[in-house]
Amino acid sequence: MIRTMLVPNDRDVLIHLPKSFVGKKVEVIVHTVNEPAAAPQSSDVSLTHFASQQVLSTDWSTPEEDKAWENL
């Protein structure tokens, strides 16, 4: 993982990636530091569910979790 902070002088930012990243899916997240997050664009609460499902499944989809819930 590569993490860096910068103060852009323009609206364009050029990213140079390592050769090992070429051809792979790469996620780029841009947000301002020390400013509140913008309000959600949609009031549809199900969107939060879909956004969270993949992240939460990494904690839930484990043999330990399966064993903990097997008798319920």
C-alpha atoms as a PDB file:
ATOM      1  CA  MET A   1       0.000   0.000   0.000  1.00  0.00           C
ATOM      2  CA  ILE A   2       1.191   3.470  -0.813  1.00  0.00           C
ATOM      3  CA  ARG A   3      -0.127   6.426   1.152  1.00  0.00           C
ATOM      4  CA  THR A   4       0.884  10.014   0.664  1.00  0.00           C
ATOM      5  CA  MET A   5      -0.428  13.510   1.347  1.00  0.00           C
ATOM      6  CA  LEU A   6      -0.010  16.495  -0.899  1.00  0.00           C
ATOM      7  CA  VAL A   7      -1.217  20.034  -1.439  1.00  0.00           C
ATOM      8  CA  PRO A   8      -2.130  20.359  -5.130  1.00  0.00           C
ATOM      9  CA  ASN A   9      -1.366  23.573  -6.989  1.00  0.00           C
ATOM     10  CA  ASP A  10      -3.878  22.740  -9.713  1.00  0.00           C
ATOM     11  CA  ARG A  11      -6.995  20.615 -10.223  1.00  0.00           C
ATOM     12  CA  ASP A  12      -4.979  17.849 -11.886  1.00  0.00           C
ATOM     13  CA  VAL A  13      -2.831  15.338 -10.023  1.00  0.00           C
ATOM     14  CA  LEU A  14      -0.491  12.875 -11.766  1.00  0.00           C
ATOM     15  CA  ILE A  15       0.160   9.554 -10.039  1.00  0.00           C
ATOM     16  CA  HIS A  16       3.221   7.411 -10.801  1.00  0.00           C
ATOM     17  CA  LEU A  17       2.669   3.817  -9.717  1.00  0.00           C
ATOM     18  CA  PRO A  18       5.214   1.038  -9.197  1.00  0.00           C
ATOM     19  CA  LYS A  19       5.573  -1.430 -12.077  1.00  0.00           C
ATOM     20  CA  SER A  20       4.006  -4.118  -9.900  1.00  0.00           C
ATOM     21  CA  PHE A  21       0.712  -2.163  -9.931  1.00  0.00           C
ATOM     22  CA  VAL A  22       0.413  -2.143 -13.745  1.00  0.00           C
ATOM     23  CA  GLY A  23      -2.520  -4.252 -14.933  1.00  0.00           C
ATOM     24  CA  LYS A  24      -4.048  -4.538 -11.466  1.00  0.00           C
ATOM     25  CA  LYS A  25      -7.156  -2.874 -10.068  1.00  0.00           C
ATOM     26  CA  VAL A  26      -6.034   0.125  -7.998  1.00  0.00           C
ATOM     27  CA  GLU A  27      -8.246   2.166  -5.680  1.00  0.00           C
ATOM     28  CA  VAL A  28      -7.544   5.891  -5.378  1.00  0.00           C
ATOM     29  CA  ILE A  29      -9.345   7.813  -2.638  1.00  0.00           C
ATOM     30  CA  VAL A  30      -9.135  11.598  -2.456  1.00  0.00           C
ATOM     31  CA  HIS A  31     -10.442  13.644   0.447  1.00  0.00           C
ATOM     32  CA  THR A  32      -9.476  16.796   2.265  1.00  0.00           C
ATOM     33  CA  VAL A  33      -7.828  16.585   5.657  1.00  0.00           C
ATOM     34  CA  ASN A  34      -9.370  18.329   8.685  1.00  0.00           C
ATOM     35  CA  GLU A  35     -12.643  19.149   6.949  1.00  0.00           C
ATOM     36  CA  PRO A  36     -15.973  17.465   7.648  1.00  0.00           C
ATOM     37  CA  ALA A  37     -17.131  14.918   5.108  1.00  0.00           C
ATOM     38  CA  ALA A  38     -19.777  16.024   2.627  1.00  0.00           C
ATOM     39  CA  ALA A  39     -23.366  14.962   3.253  1.00  0.00           C
ATOM     40  CA  PRO A  40     -24.493  11.851   1.363  1.00  0.00           C
ATOM     41  CA  GLN A  41     -26.038  12.524  -2.052  1.00  0.00           C
ATOM     42  CA  SER A  42     -28.875  10.071  -1.489  1.00  0.00           C
ATOM     43  CA  SER A  43     -31.215   9.484   1.420  1.00  0.00           C
ATOM     44  CA  ASP A  44     -31.534   5.802   0.446  1.00  0.00           C
ATOM     45  CA  VAL A  45     -30.219   3.977   3.524  1.00  0.00           C
ATOM     46  CA  SER A  46     -29.878   0.735   1.537  1.00  0.00           C
ATOM     47  CA  LEU A  47     -26.904   2.274  -0.269  1.00  0.00           C
ATOM     48  CA  THR A  48     -25.011   2.279   3.037  1.00  0.00           C
ATOM     49  CA  HIS A  49     -25.802  -1.412   3.382  1.00  0.00           C
ATOM     50  CA  PHE A  50     -24.351  -2.239  -0.021  1.00  0.00           C
ATOM     51  CA  ALA A  51     -21.276  -0.105   0.572  1.00  0.00           C
ATOM     52  CA  SER A  52     -20.641  -1.765   3.923  1.00  0.00           C
ATOM     53  CA  GLN A  53     -21.403  -5.364   2.982  1.00  0.00           C
ATOM     54  CA  GLN A  54     -18.066  -6.118   1.332  1.00  0.00           C
ATOM     55  CA  VAL A  55     -16.042  -4.574   4.154  1.00  0.00           C
ATOM     56  CA  LEU A  56     -18.049  -6.244   6.898  1.00  0.00           C
ATOM     57  CA  SER A  57     -17.953  -9.629   5.185  1.00  0.00           C
ATOM     58  CA  THR A  58     -14.190  -9.796   5.744  1.00  0.00           C
ATOM     59  CA  ASP A  59     -14.915  -9.907   9.500  1.00  0.00           C
ATOM     60  CA  TRP A  60     -17.998 -12.102   9.246  1.00  0.00           C
ATOM     61  CA  SER A  61     -16.848 -14.690   6.728  1.00  0.00           C
ATOM     62  CA  THR A  62     -14.431 -16.570   8.942  1.00  0.00           C
ATOM     63  CA  PRO A  63     -14.414 -20.085  10.363  1.00  0.00           C
ATOM     64  CA  GLU A  64     -14.455 -18.569  13.869  1.00  0.00           C
ATOM     65  CA  GLU A  65     -17.670 -16.665  13.115  1.00  0.00           C
ATOM     66  CA  ASP A  66     -19.285 -19.774  11.578  1.00  0.00           C
ATOM     67  CA  LYS A  67     -18.479 -21.757  14.719  1.00  0.00           C
ATOM     68  CA  ALA A  68     -19.797 -19.005  17.019  1.00  0.00           C
ATOM     69  CA  TRP A  69     -23.172 -18.948  15.214  1.00  0.00           C
ATOM     70  CA  GLU A  70     -23.625 -22.637  14.403  1.00  0.00           C
ATOM     71  CA  ASN A  71     -25.955 -23.369  17.368  1.00  0.00           C
ATOM     72  CA  LEU A  72     -28.218 -20.332  16.958  1.00  0.00           C
END
